[in-house]
Amino acid sequence: MAQVTAAVERACSLFLALQAFAKCDAHCGKAATPEEVAEAGNLCAICHEGMKTPVMLPCAHVFCDDCVAEWFDHAGEAQERTCPLCRAVVKSQGLKSTYGDGTTGLMLQIF
């Protein structure tokens, strides 16, 4: 019975991960409004160019989606994802921490 419960929990986690991936929320935060982009100065602090697909991290800093995704990729799986400006930890939204911290894969394990 414990294996069935674990399998159901993994299936739910997989569903949440796919849902977050479909929304592009898995690594970047939320889409920034034009007012938030203007308040940030219309320039990305990573690439120093105009914002392309701006996203706002939970710490309220705004970056290009591609720039912040590349920043997170360079952090590696061993380190926590942090904001490039204030170093606040950025957690993946909607996923259990084990799927966002690089310690386990997102593959469904069959017992």
Protein backbone atom coordinates (compact mmCIF):
# COMPACT_ATOMS: atom_id res chain seq x y z
CA MET A 1 0.00 0.00 0.00
CA ALA A 2 2.87 2.36 0.75
CA GLN A 3 4.18 1.86 -2.76
CA VAL A 4 0.83 2.82 -4.26
CA THR A 5 0.72 5.96 -2.12
CA ALA A 6 4.26 6.88 -3.13
CA ALA A 7 3.41 6.29 -6.80
CA VAL A 8 0.34 8.54 -6.54
CA GLU A 9 2.40 11.28 -4.85
CA ARG A 10 5.00 11.07 -7.63
CA ALA A 11 2.29 11.20 -10.28
CA CYS A 12 0.85 14.33 -8.64
CA SER A 13 4.31 15.90 -8.49
CA LEU A 14 4.88 15.05 -12.15
CA PHE A 15 1.55 16.66 -13.04
CA LEU A 16 2.49 19.83 -11.12
CA ALA A 17 5.88 19.91 -12.83
CA LEU A 18 4.34 19.58 -16.29
CA GLN A 19 1.78 22.25 -15.42
CA ALA A 20 4.50 24.63 -14.22
CA PHE A 21 6.59 23.89 -17.32
CA ALA A 22 3.63 24.64 -19.57
CA LYS A 23 3.18 28.01 -17.85
CA CYS A 24 6.93 28.75 -17.97
CA ASP A 25 6.85 29.23 -14.19
CA ALA A 26 9.29 26.45 -13.38
CA HIS A 27 12.40 28.59 -13.36
CA CYS A 28 11.55 32.19 -13.88
CA GLY A 29 8.86 33.74 -11.71
CA LYS A 30 5.91 35.64 -13.15
CA ALA A 31 5.49 37.77 -16.24
CA ALA A 32 6.24 41.41 -15.49
CA THR A 33 3.71 44.10 -16.34
CA PRO A 34 4.71 47.12 -18.47
CA GLU A 35 4.57 49.27 -15.32
CA GLU A 36 6.97 46.93 -13.49
CA VAL A 37 9.34 46.97 -16.46
CA ALA A 38 9.25 50.78 -16.59
CA GLU A 39 9.92 50.94 -12.84
CA ALA A 40 12.95 48.68 -13.35
CA GLY A 41 14.31 51.13 -15.95
CA ASN A 42 13.41 49.15 -19.11
CA LEU A 43 16.89 47.58 -19.12
CA CYS A 44 17.85 44.07 -18.06
CA ALA A 45 20.58 44.13 -15.39
CA ILE A 46 22.13 40.98 -16.88
CA CYS A 47 22.40 41.78 -20.60
CA HIS A 48 22.13 45.60 -20.26
CA GLU A 49 19.70 45.74 -23.19
CA GLY A 50 15.97 46.38 -23.52
CA MET A 51 13.75 43.80 -21.83
CA LYS A 52 12.76 40.80 -23.94
CA THR A 53 9.97 38.74 -22.37
CA PRO A 54 10.42 40.34 -18.93
CA VAL A 55 9.82 38.28 -15.79
CA MET A 56 9.67 39.37 -12.17
CA LEU A 57 11.32 37.21 -9.53
CA PRO A 58 9.73 36.89 -6.06
CA CYS A 59 12.20 39.53 -4.77
CA ALA A 60 10.61 42.03 -7.26
CA HIS A 61 13.64 42.34 -9.57
CA VAL A 62 12.87 42.21 -13.31
CA PHE A 63 15.03 40.53 -15.98
CA CYS A 64 14.71 39.08 -19.48
CA ASP A 65 13.35 35.54 -19.25
CA ASP A 66 16.25 34.13 -21.29
CA CYS A 67 18.85 36.00 -19.24
CA VAL A 68 17.58 34.82 -15.87
CA ALA A 69 17.14 31.26 -17.18
CA GLU A 70 20.78 31.28 -18.31
CA TRP A 71 21.79 32.70 -14.91
CA PHE A 72 20.00 29.81 -13.19
CA ASP A 73 21.61 27.28 -15.56
CA HIS A 74 25.08 28.63 -14.74
CA ALA A 75 24.35 28.28 -11.02
CA GLY A 76 24.38 24.52 -11.51
CA GLU A 77 22.37 21.93 -9.70
CA ALA A 78 24.60 21.91 -6.61
CA GLN A 79 23.90 25.55 -5.76
CA GLU A 80 20.67 27.31 -4.89
CA ARG A 81 19.12 29.54 -7.53
CA THR A 82 19.51 33.16 -6.51
CA CYS A 83 18.55 36.57 -7.86
CA PRO A 84 21.45 38.12 -9.81
CA LEU A 85 21.04 41.43 -7.95
CA CYS A 86 20.15 40.70 -4.33
CA ARG A 87 21.05 36.98 -4.09
CA ALA A 88 17.61 36.12 -2.65
CA VAL A 89 16.88 32.41 -3.05
CA VAL A 90 14.41 31.75 -5.88
CA LYS A 91 12.41 28.56 -5.42
CA SER A 92 10.53 26.84 -8.20
CA GLN A 93 6.83 27.48 -7.74
CA GLY A 94 4.38 24.61 -7.52
CA LEU A 95 7.02 21.88 -7.29
CA LYS A 96 8.19 19.93 -4.30
CA SER A 97 11.64 20.98 -3.20
CA THR A 98 13.18 17.63 -4.17
CA TYR A 99 12.41 18.27 -7.83
CA GLY A 100 13.77 21.80 -7.85
CA ASP A 101 16.98 21.35 -5.90
CA GLY A 102 18.77 18.96 -8.27
CA THR A 103 18.88 16.03 -5.86
CA THR A 104 16.45 13.81 -7.76
CA GLY A 105 15.26 13.44 -11.31
CA LEU A 106 11.72 14.05 -12.44
CA MET A 107 11.40 10.53 -13.79
CA LEU A 108 8.56 8.46 -12.38
CA GLN A 109 10.06 5.48 -10.62
CA ILE A 110 8.18 2.21 -10.90
CA PHE A 111 8.42 -0.27 -8.04
